[in-house]
Amino acid sequence: MAFVLILVLSFYKLVSGQWQVTGPGKFVQASVGEDAVFSCSLFPETSAEAMEVRFFRNQFHAVVHLYRDGEDWEYMQMPQYRGRTELVKDSIAGGHVSLRLKNITPSDIGLYGCWFSSQIYDEEATWELRVAALGSVPLISIAGYVDGGIQLLCLSSGWFPRPTAKWKGPQGQDLSSDSGENADRHSLYDVEISIIVQENAGSILCSIHLAEQSHEVESKVSIGETFFQPSPWRLASISLGLLCVALCVVVIRMTIVFFKSKGKIQAELDLEKIHKQAELRDARKHAVEVTLDPETAHPKLCVSDLKTVTHRKAPQEVRYSKKRFISKSVVASQGFQAGKHYWEVDVGQNVGWSVGVCRDDAGRWENNVTLSPNKGYWVLGLTTERVYFTFNPHLISLSPSTPPTRVGVFLDYEGGTISFFNINDQSFIHILTCQFEGLLRPYIKHVTYEEKMGTPIFICSVSWGSEREDPA
């Protein structure tokens, strides 16, 4: 009986020109820096091409995106959504539309709705957008010696909402500690917890948990007796009365301390290396698709399959474009002005290359421009004299432990950093800091010896789960 009643009501709505709006559900979950998609449909299927379709937030007049008279009315949007929305209308004739909201931030949390209106009827659906951000892998460091023990400090950043942080003992038991969380200007939380451990505490775990995501990240450190060696100064003071014996003791002790310190330094270097590799894994979680824009390429640079740039001896015949570089450079079609983004560039054995980002308004008609932040460029490069360099804002010479043939680039717009990684040995190369403004685009410069054209430079496909893969 109920099924028949539903059929009757649906038939009545169809005949009378009425319909229902189905939204994406009760909740939509999104990650900071990524995109969210809101899909809305009419039931029964009805063309919405001639309708007004409005996506709003909290209140009907708070416009996120507006479609009316067959076109998008961008000037009606609230300022914080301009340039961040895309209405997918491929199936609008069947009553299906999707809104893509780009570069999600914590401030986007709230109630959203879609509203369809024809000349005789209107209906809406609502849902709640929930936002989360998974922070960095915890970094454990030694803060100092306190009350006969060692104070450990655990730091992590970029979480939302507020996470739970705690120390765990060797058997997984919770340990009491001091903790604190601070929100930055983008409402992301930085976590800091500390603990004092005694000799032979064993393995200590720093755990950070995001309850709503059922997500937990951990870092572990082992505290052995090496960290609690007595000070050489104490031995020296005891032996002051016996000059000859003291001299021997001090010399022996200094030798022991030297080798143990050397071991500690190596351990700390190994821990730092592990941390940098963890940073690379974390960066790869923000991998994005990057394609080159041929209209920006110098005439001597040939762009193929939107991924590969090849240097030619003779310039090509290209159409005029005010976007085209006069230097041997090219930028991507994608631009970023918020969020975290990662991509990789295979530079091969070439010399005379630079990779990184540049401001969209950086001068493209300047030849031999200095690739400095003062000019709107943040790059890592290799000169034709085989010197690795960057600018910040002055020239800095770099010495990677392994010459990179594949470079990872990680842009954290709100964090104000761009990091470069050597994918060959999974190592960190350098980081540049700046308070970014405006649109930034991935940038490649390809300069070679005139007699040697070199090999192509190309954008690589990245999967953040493939950290152990060999570079292509």
Protein backbone atom coordinates (compact mmCIF):
# COMPACT_ATOMS: atom_id res chain seq x y z
CA MET A 1 0.00 0.00 0.00
CA ALA A 2 2.81 2.42 0.91
CA PHE A 3 4.65 1.59 -2.34
CA VAL A 4 1.50 2.36 -4.34
CA LEU A 5 1.11 5.67 -2.49
CA ILE A 6 4.71 6.63 -3.35
CA LEU A 7 4.06 5.82 -7.02
CA VAL A 8 0.89 7.91 -6.98
CA LEU A 9 2.66 10.88 -5.38
CA SER A 10 5.56 10.62 -7.84
CA PHE A 11 3.12 10.48 -10.76
CA TYR A 12 1.25 13.49 -9.37
CA LYS A 13 4.47 15.50 -9.05
CA LEU A 14 5.52 14.52 -12.56
CA VAL A 15 2.17 15.59 -14.04
CA SER A 16 2.02 18.81 -12.02
CA GLY A 17 5.64 19.76 -12.80
CA GLN A 18 6.85 19.13 -9.24
CA TRP A 19 9.92 17.17 -8.22
CA GLN A 20 12.19 16.45 -5.28
CA VAL A 21 15.81 17.52 -4.80
CA THR A 22 18.32 14.92 -3.63
CA GLY A 23 21.55 16.23 -2.11
CA PRO A 24 24.89 14.50 -1.44
CA GLY A 25 23.66 13.15 1.90
CA LYS A 26 23.58 14.26 5.50
CA PHE A 27 27.33 14.92 5.68
CA VAL A 28 30.18 15.59 3.26
CA GLN A 29 33.73 14.99 4.53
CA ALA A 30 36.65 16.95 2.99
CA SER A 31 40.36 17.50 3.68
CA VAL A 32 42.06 20.88 4.04
CA GLY A 33 43.74 21.96 0.81
CA GLU A 34 41.77 19.53 -1.34
CA ASP A 35 38.44 19.81 -3.19
CA ALA A 36 34.91 18.91 -2.10
CA VAL A 37 32.15 17.88 -4.53
CA PHE A 38 28.44 18.51 -3.83
CA SER A 39 26.08 16.56 -6.14
CA CYS A 40 22.38 17.38 -6.41
CA SER A 41 19.70 15.70 -8.56
CA LEU A 42 16.01 16.07 -9.41
CA PHE A 43 13.61 13.17 -8.92
CA PRO A 44 11.93 12.25 -11.12
CA GLU A 45 14.51 13.24 -13.75
CA THR A 46 13.71 16.72 -15.06
CA SER A 47 15.81 19.04 -17.18
CA ALA A 48 17.28 21.91 -15.13
CA GLU A 49 18.78 23.78 -18.09
CA ALA A 50 16.14 26.53 -17.90
CA MET A 51 15.97 26.57 -14.09
CA GLU A 52 17.77 28.65 -11.52
CA VAL A 53 20.22 26.48 -9.57
CA ARG A 54 21.61 28.03 -6.41
CA PHE A 55 24.18 26.61 -4.00
CA PHE A 56 24.14 28.49 -0.71
CA ARG A 57 25.61 28.39 2.78
CA ASN A 58 23.53 28.59 5.96
CA GLN A 59 21.09 31.09 4.45
CA PHE A 60 19.46 31.28 1.03
CA HIS A 61 20.93 34.70 0.15
CA ALA A 62 24.51 33.61 1.04
CA VAL A 63 25.43 32.50 -2.50
CA VAL A 64 28.22 29.99 -3.00
CA HIS A 65 27.43 29.53 -6.73
CA LEU A 66 24.52 30.68 -8.90
CA TYR A 67 23.37 29.33 -12.29
CA ARG A 68 20.64 31.35 -13.99
CA ASP A 69 19.46 31.89 -17.59
CA GLY A 70 21.85 29.21 -18.82
CA GLU A 71 25.04 30.74 -17.39
CA ASP A 72 27.03 31.14 -14.16
CA TRP A 73 26.60 34.44 -12.29
CA GLU A 74 30.00 34.73 -10.62
CA TYR A 75 29.52 38.29 -9.37
CA MET A 76 26.69 37.08 -7.13
CA GLN A 77 29.03 34.83 -5.12
CA MET A 78 30.25 35.65 -1.64
CA PRO A 79 33.85 36.98 -1.89
CA GLN A 80 35.42 33.95 -0.17
CA TYR A 81 34.08 31.63 -2.90
CA ARG A 82 35.01 33.60 -6.02
CA GLY A 83 37.41 31.65 -8.19
CA ARG A 84 36.97 28.54 -6.03
CA THR A 85 33.82 26.96 -7.51
CA GLU A 86 33.08 25.02 -10.67
CA LEU A 87 29.58 23.87 -11.61
CA VAL A 88 29.65 20.61 -13.58
CA LYS A 89 26.63 20.68 -15.92
CA ASP A 90 27.30 17.67 -18.18
CA SER A 91 24.07 15.98 -17.03
CA ILE A 92 21.95 19.07 -16.31
CA ALA A 93 19.45 17.97 -19.00
CA GLY A 94 18.74 14.98 -16.75
CA GLY A 95 18.50 17.12 -13.62
CA HIS A 96 21.99 16.29 -12.29
CA VAL A 97 24.59 18.93 -11.35
CA SER A 98 27.73 18.89 -9.20
CA LEU A 99 29.54 21.78 -7.55
CA ARG A 100 33.29 21.46 -7.02
CA LEU A 101 34.55 23.64 -4.13
CA LYS A 102 38.33 24.01 -4.42
CA ASN A 103 41.08 24.39 -1.80
CA ILE A 104 39.01 23.58 1.28
CA THR A 105 39.87 25.49 4.49
CA PRO A 106 38.61 25.09 8.07
CA SER A 107 36.49 28.23 7.59
CA ASP A 108 34.39 26.34 5.01
CA ILE A 109 32.80 24.18 7.71
CA GLY A 110 29.04 24.62 7.94
CA LEU A 111 25.59 23.94 6.51
CA TYR A 112 25.18 24.03 2.72
CA GLY A 113 22.26 23.62 0.37
CA CYS A 114 21.24 23.43 -3.28
CA TRP A 115 17.99 25.03 -4.53
CA PHE A 116 16.28 24.42 -7.88
CA SER A 117 13.57 26.78 -9.12
CA SER A 118 11.37 26.59 -12.19
CA GLN A 119 8.55 28.95 -13.13
CA ILE A 120 6.02 26.90 -11.18
CA TYR A 121 7.94 25.10 -8.46
CA ASP A 122 11.06 25.17 -6.29
CA GLU A 123 12.71 22.77 -3.86
CA GLU A 124 15.99 22.43 -1.95
CA ALA A 125 18.25 19.94 -0.15
CA THR A 126 20.78 20.62 2.64
CA TRP A 127 23.82 18.93 4.13
CA GLU A 128 26.73 19.63 6.48
CA LEU A 129 30.34 20.00 5.32
CA ARG A 130 32.90 18.58 7.74
CA VAL A 131 36.57 19.40 7.31
CA ALA A 132 39.71 17.69 8.61
CA ALA A 133 43.46 18.09 8.15
CA LEU A 134 46.00 15.38 8.95
CA GLY A 135 49.13 16.97 10.38
CA SER A 136 52.79 16.18 9.96
CA VAL A 137 54.55 13.11 11.34
CA PRO A 138 55.56 13.86 14.96
CA LEU A 139 59.15 14.97 15.49
CA ILE A 140 60.76 13.89 18.77
CA SER A 141 63.75 15.83 20.09
CA ILE A 142 65.69 16.11 23.37
CA ALA A 143 64.95 19.40 25.15
CA GLY A 144 67.52 18.89 27.93
CA TYR A 145 68.37 17.15 31.20
CA VAL A 146 65.90 17.82 34.06
CA ASP A 147 65.97 16.40 37.62
CA GLY A 148 68.19 13.46 36.69
CA GLY A 149 66.06 12.60 33.67
CA ILE A 150 65.77 13.58 30.01
CA GLN A 151 63.03 15.90 28.80
CA LEU A 152 61.64 14.81 25.45
CA LEU A 153 59.69 17.18 23.20
CA CYS A 154 57.25 16.03 20.49
CA LEU A 155 56.10 18.50 17.83
CA SER A 156 53.60 18.20 14.98
CA SER A 157 51.72 20.80 12.93
CA GLY A 158 48.83 21.24 10.50
CA TRP A 159 45.96 19.42 12.30
CA PHE A 160 42.22 20.09 12.21
CA PRO A 161 40.13 19.79 14.26
CA ARG A 162 42.04 19.78 17.56
CA PRO A 163 43.79 16.39 17.90
CA THR A 164 44.58 14.33 20.98
CA ALA A 165 48.30 13.91 21.74
CA LYS A 166 49.87 11.60 24.31
CA TRP A 167 52.99 9.66 25.21
CA LYS A 168 52.93 5.85 25.43
CA GLY A 169 55.30 3.52 27.24
CA PRO A 170 56.94 0.30 25.97
CA GLN A 171 53.79 -1.74 26.72
CA GLY A 172 51.49 0.82 25.10
CA GLN A 173 50.41 2.35 28.41
CA ASP A 174 49.57 6.06 28.55
CA LEU A 175 52.16 8.25 30.30
CA SER A 176 51.42 11.53 32.05
CA SER A 177 52.84 14.57 30.26
CA ASP A 178 52.49 18.28 29.61
CA SER A 179 50.73 19.21 26.39
CA GLY A 180 49.56 22.24 24.47
CA GLU A 181 47.86 23.08 21.17
CA ASN A 182 47.92 26.40 19.33
CA ALA A 183 45.90 27.36 16.27
CA ASP A 184 47.63 29.35 13.54
CA ARG A 185 46.02 32.08 11.44
CA HIS A 186 44.51 29.40 9.19
CA SER A 187 42.86 27.64 12.17
CA LEU A 188 45.19 24.63 11.88
CA TYR A 189 46.51 23.25 15.16
CA ASP A 190 50.16 22.83 16.12
CA VAL A 191 50.73 20.24 18.85
CA GLU A 192 53.52 20.19 21.43
CA ILE A 193 53.83 17.68 24.27
CA SER A 194 56.75 16.99 26.60
CA ILE A 195 57.71 14.32 29.10
CA ILE A 196 60.61 13.61 31.51
CA VAL A 197 61.91 10.03 31.34
CA GLN A 198 64.40 8.24 33.55
CA GLU A 199 67.23 5.86 32.73
CA ASN A 200 66.38 2.69 30.79
CA ALA A 201 62.85 3.89 30.02
CA GLY A 202 62.90 1.79 26.85
CA SER A 203 60.85 2.69 23.78
CA ILE A 204 58.77 5.85 24.15
CA LEU A 205 55.99 6.57 21.67
CA CYS A 206 54.52 9.99 20.73
CA SER A 207 51.00 9.44 19.40
CA ILE A 208 48.66 12.01 17.84
CA HIS A 209 45.06 10.98 17.20
CA LEU A 210 42.26 12.60 15.20
CA ALA A 211 39.09 11.08 16.61
CA GLU A 212 36.67 12.06 13.83
CA GLN A 213 38.95 10.52 11.20
CA SER A 214 40.01 7.46 13.24
CA HIS A 215 43.50 8.47 12.18
CA GLU A 216 46.61 8.12 14.33
CA VAL A 217 50.26 8.89 13.62
CA GLU A 218 53.16 7.87 15.84
CA SER A 219 56.89 8.38 16.23
CA LYS A 220 59.11 6.26 18.50
CA VAL A 221 62.43 6.81 20.25
CA SER A 222 64.44 4.42 22.40
CA ILE A 223 66.06 5.81 25.58
CA GLY A 224 69.06 3.76 26.68
CA GLU A 225 71.75 4.21 29.30
CA THR A 226 73.98 6.00 26.76
CA PHE A 227 71.94 9.16 27.31
CA PHE A 228 72.71 9.13 31.06
CA GLN A 229 76.52 9.01 31.03
CA PRO A 230 78.08 11.11 33.84
CA SER A 231 79.74 14.39 32.89
CA PRO A 232 83.52 14.44 32.26
CA TRP A 233 83.71 17.59 34.41
CA ARG A 234 82.69 15.54 37.45
CA LEU A 235 85.53 13.10 36.87
CA ALA A 236 87.96 15.97 36.40
CA SER A 237 86.98 17.60 39.69
CA ILE A 238 87.42 14.28 41.58
CA SER A 239 90.91 13.79 40.12
CA LEU A 240 92.28 17.29 40.75
CA GLY A 241 94.40 16.07 43.68
CA LEU A 242 96.17 13.46 41.65
CA LEU A 243 97.60 15.43 38.78
CA CYS A 244 99.27 12.61 36.95
CA VAL A 245 96.37 10.19 37.42
CA ALA A 246 93.86 12.93 36.63
CA LEU A 247 95.60 13.69 33.37
CA CYS A 248 95.33 10.08 32.30
CA VAL A 249 91.73 9.82 33.43
CA VAL A 250 90.76 13.04 31.63
CA VAL A 251 92.47 11.96 28.41
CA ILE A 252 90.83 8.53 28.51
CA ARG A 253 87.48 10.03 29.45
CA MET A 254 87.62 12.61 26.67
CA THR A 255 88.37 9.84 24.20
CA ILE A 256 85.37 7.83 25.39
CA VAL A 257 83.09 10.87 25.35
CA PHE A 258 84.31 11.77 21.86
CA PHE A 259 83.37 8.39 20.42
CA LYS A 260 80.07 8.25 22.31
CA SER A 261 79.24 11.79 21.23
CA LYS A 262 80.10 10.81 17.69
CA GLY A 263 77.66 7.92 18.03
CA LYS A 264 74.97 10.23 19.41
CA ILE A 265 75.51 12.70 16.61
CA GLN A 266 75.23 9.91 14.06
CA ALA A 267 72.05 8.71 15.77
CA GLU A 268 70.61 12.20 15.65
CA LEU A 269 71.60 12.49 11.97
CA ASP A 270 69.91 9.16 11.28
CA LEU A 271 66.80 10.35 13.17
CA GLU A 272 66.82 13.58 11.14
CA LYS A 273 67.15 11.58 7.92
CA ILE A 274 64.18 9.42 8.92
CA HIS A 275 62.21 12.57 9.73
CA LYS A 276 63.00 14.12 6.34
CA GLN A 277 61.91 10.92 4.61
CA ALA A 278 58.69 11.08 6.63
CA GLU A 279 58.27 14.68 5.46
CA LEU A 280 58.55 13.48 1.87
CA ARG A 281 55.94 10.80 2.46
CA ASP A 282 53.68 13.39 4.04
CA ALA A 283 54.26 15.80 1.15
CA ARG A 284 53.35 13.13 -1.41
CA LYS A 285 49.91 12.88 0.18
CA HIS A 286 49.26 16.28 -1.41
CA ALA A 287 50.25 15.21 -4.95
CA VAL A 288 48.42 17.15 -7.67
CA GLU A 289 48.11 16.84 -11.44
CA VAL A 290 50.37 19.36 -13.18
CA THR A 291 50.22 20.03 -16.93
CA LEU A 292 52.30 22.52 -18.90
CA ASP A 293 50.77 25.45 -20.79
CA PRO A 294 52.24 25.53 -24.35
CA GLU A 295 51.13 29.15 -24.82
CA THR A 296 53.66 30.23 -22.16
CA ALA A 297 56.64 28.28 -23.58
CA HIS A 298 59.63 30.01 -25.20
CA PRO A 299 59.75 29.28 -28.98
CA LYS A 300 62.80 27.03 -28.49
CA LEU A 301 60.91 24.87 -25.99
CA CYS A 302 58.62 22.23 -27.45
CA VAL A 303 55.83 21.05 -25.13
CA SER A 304 54.41 17.60 -25.87
CA ASP A 305 51.60 15.66 -24.15
CA LEU A 306 51.37 18.65 -21.75
CA LYS A 307 53.99 16.95 -19.57
CA THR A 308 57.26 17.06 -21.51
CA VAL A 309 59.43 20.03 -22.50
CA THR A 310 62.24 19.60 -25.05
CA HIS A 311 64.89 22.17 -25.97
CA ARG A 312 65.36 22.70 -29.75
CA LYS A 313 68.17 24.31 -31.70
CA ALA A 314 65.88 26.47 -33.82
CA PRO A 315 62.82 28.32 -32.56
CA GLN A 316 59.40 27.05 -33.60
CA GLU A 317 56.78 29.13 -35.32
CA VAL A 318 54.34 29.93 -32.54
CA ARG A 319 51.43 32.28 -32.35
CA TYR A 320 51.80 35.47 -30.38
CA SER A 321 50.74 35.31 -26.75
CA LYS A 322 51.28 37.86 -24.03
CA LYS A 323 51.72 34.91 -21.67
CA ARG A 324 54.81 33.60 -23.51
CA PHE A 325 58.24 33.81 -21.85
CA ILE A 326 61.12 35.58 -23.59
CA SER A 327 63.50 33.44 -21.49
CA LYS A 328 63.60 29.65 -22.05
CA SER A 329 60.85 28.95 -19.55
CA VAL A 330 57.34 27.51 -19.30
CA VAL A 331 54.70 27.38 -16.55
CA ALA A 332 51.81 25.06 -15.75
CA SER A 333 48.17 25.60 -16.56
CA GLN A 334 47.39 25.06 -12.87
CA GLY A 335 47.77 27.87 -10.37
CA PHE A 336 47.67 27.75 -6.57
CA GLN A 337 46.78 30.45 -4.07
CA ALA A 338 45.91 28.28 -1.09
CA GLY A 339 46.54 24.81 0.31
CA LYS A 340 49.35 22.25 0.01
CA HIS A 341 50.48 20.92 -3.37
CA TYR A 342 53.21 18.46 -4.42
CA TRP A 343 54.60 17.43 -7.80
CA GLU A 344 57.79 15.89 -9.22
CA VAL A 345 59.96 16.88 -12.18
CA ASP A 346 62.40 14.55 -13.96
CA VAL A 347 65.37 16.69 -15.02
CA GLY A 348 67.52 13.73 -16.11
CA GLN A 349 71.22 14.43 -16.67
CA ASN A 350 70.55 17.92 -18.04
CA VAL A 351 72.37 21.03 -16.89
CA GLY A 352 71.04 24.57 -16.98
CA TRP A 353 67.61 23.80 -15.47
CA SER A 354 65.44 25.38 -12.77
CA VAL A 355 62.23 24.04 -11.20
CA GLY A 356 59.87 25.53 -8.61
CA VAL A 357 57.11 28.14 -8.73
CA CYS A 358 56.68 31.69 -9.92
CA ARG A 359 54.03 34.33 -9.37
CA ASP A 360 51.55 34.53 -12.22
CA ASP A 361 52.31 38.25 -12.59
CA ALA A 362 56.11 37.78 -12.68
CA GLY A 363 57.63 39.52 -15.69
CA ARG A 364 57.75 37.18 -18.69
CA TRP A 365 59.30 39.71 -21.07
CA GLU A 366 62.56 40.06 -19.15
CA ASN A 367 65.54 38.18 -20.53
CA ASN A 368 68.15 36.80 -18.10
CA VAL A 369 65.89 37.66 -15.16
CA THR A 370 67.27 36.72 -11.73
CA LEU A 371 65.16 33.82 -10.39
CA SER A 372 64.84 35.43 -6.97
CA PRO A 373 61.84 35.78 -4.62
CA ASN A 374 62.24 39.52 -5.16
CA LYS A 375 61.28 38.90 -8.79
CA GLY A 376 58.50 36.43 -7.95
CA TYR A 377 60.46 33.16 -8.39
CA TRP A 378 61.18 30.38 -5.86
CA VAL A 379 63.32 27.75 -7.58
CA LEU A 380 66.02 25.11 -7.25
CA GLY A 381 68.40 24.90 -10.20
CA LEU A 382 71.61 23.57 -11.74
CA THR A 383 73.82 25.93 -13.75
CA THR A 384 75.64 24.94 -16.94
CA GLU A 385 78.77 24.94 -14.73
CA ARG A 386 77.11 22.16 -12.66
CA VAL A 387 76.52 24.26 -9.54
CA TYR A 388 73.26 23.69 -7.66
CA PHE A 389 71.68 26.93 -6.47
CA THR A 390 68.66 28.79 -5.14
CA PHE A 391 67.91 32.39 -4.16
CA ASN A 392 66.58 33.64 -0.81
CA PRO A 393 66.71 36.41 -2.02
CA HIS A 394 70.46 36.28 -2.75
CA LEU A 395 72.30 33.42 -4.47
CA ILE A 396 72.85 30.31 -2.33
CA SER A 397 75.07 27.45 -3.52
CA LEU A 398 73.86 23.97 -2.56
CA SER A 399 75.60 20.59 -2.33
CA PRO A 400 73.13 17.67 -2.49
CA SER A 401 74.69 14.42 -1.26
CA THR A 402 73.45 12.73 -4.45
CA PRO A 403 72.97 14.65 -7.72
CA PRO A 404 69.19 14.62 -8.26
CA THR A 405 67.73 13.54 -11.58
CA ARG A 406 64.18 13.75 -10.21
CA VAL A 407 63.13 16.62 -7.95
CA GLY A 408 60.09 16.78 -5.68
CA VAL A 409 58.50 20.21 -5.11
CA PHE A 410 56.18 20.79 -2.12
CA LEU A 411 54.32 24.09 -1.82
CA ASP A 412 52.63 24.95 1.50
CA TYR A 413 50.93 28.22 0.62
CA GLU A 414 49.53 29.17 4.02
CA GLY A 415 52.63 27.83 5.78
CA GLY A 416 54.76 30.10 3.57
CA THR A 417 57.25 27.40 2.52
CA ILE A 418 58.39 25.61 -0.62
CA SER A 419 60.53 22.50 -0.12
CA PHE A 420 62.69 20.59 -2.58
CA PHE A 421 63.42 16.85 -2.29
CA ASN A 422 65.88 14.55 -4.06
CA ILE A 423 63.72 11.59 -5.11
CA ASN A 424 66.79 9.54 -6.06
CA ASP A 425 67.79 8.99 -2.42
CA GLN A 426 64.58 10.23 -0.70
CA SER A 427 66.52 13.13 0.86
CA PHE A 428 65.66 16.72 1.66
CA ILE A 429 67.55 19.36 -0.36
CA HIS A 430 66.40 22.83 0.74
CA ILE A 431 63.44 24.88 1.95
CA LEU A 432 62.52 28.49 1.10
CA THR A 433 60.23 30.57 3.28
CA CYS A 434 58.07 33.50 2.21
CA GLN A 435 54.70 35.08 2.89
CA PHE A 436 53.13 34.18 -0.46
CA GLU A 437 50.65 36.48 -2.19
CA GLY A 438 48.76 36.04 -5.43
CA LEU A 439 48.58 33.07 -7.79
CA LEU A 440 51.62 30.76 -8.01
CA ARG A 441 52.28 28.43 -10.97
CA PRO A 442 54.70 25.47 -11.27
CA TYR A 443 57.73 26.69 -13.26
CA ILE A 444 60.42 25.02 -15.43
CA LYS A 445 63.45 26.61 -17.10
CA HIS A 446 65.44 24.53 -19.62
CA VAL A 447 68.73 26.02 -20.84
CA THR A 448 71.44 23.85 -22.44
CA TYR A 449 74.72 24.18 -24.28
CA GLU A 450 74.08 25.20 -27.88
CA GLU A 451 76.00 22.19 -29.20
CA LYS A 452 74.20 19.76 -26.86
CA MET A 453 70.43 20.01 -26.73
CA GLY A 454 70.15 17.71 -23.74
CA THR A 455 67.23 15.42 -22.98
CA PRO A 456 63.58 16.23 -22.29
CA ILE A 457 62.43 17.42 -18.88
CA PHE A 458 59.01 16.12 -17.87
CA ILE A 459 56.40 16.19 -15.12
CA CYS A 460 56.11 12.80 -13.39
CA SER A 461 53.00 11.02 -12.17
CA VAL A 462 53.06 10.76 -8.36
CA SER A 463 51.35 8.35 -6.03
CA TRP A 464 51.92 9.17 -2.36
CA GLY A 465 51.78 5.48 -1.52
CA SER A 466 54.78 4.73 -3.76
CA GLU A 467 57.63 6.17 -1.69
CA ARG A 468 59.80 3.12 -2.26
CA GLU A 469 59.48 3.18 -6.04
CA ASP A 470 62.58 3.94 -8.05
CA PRO A 471 62.41 7.23 -9.95
CA ALA A 472 61.31 6.78 -13.53
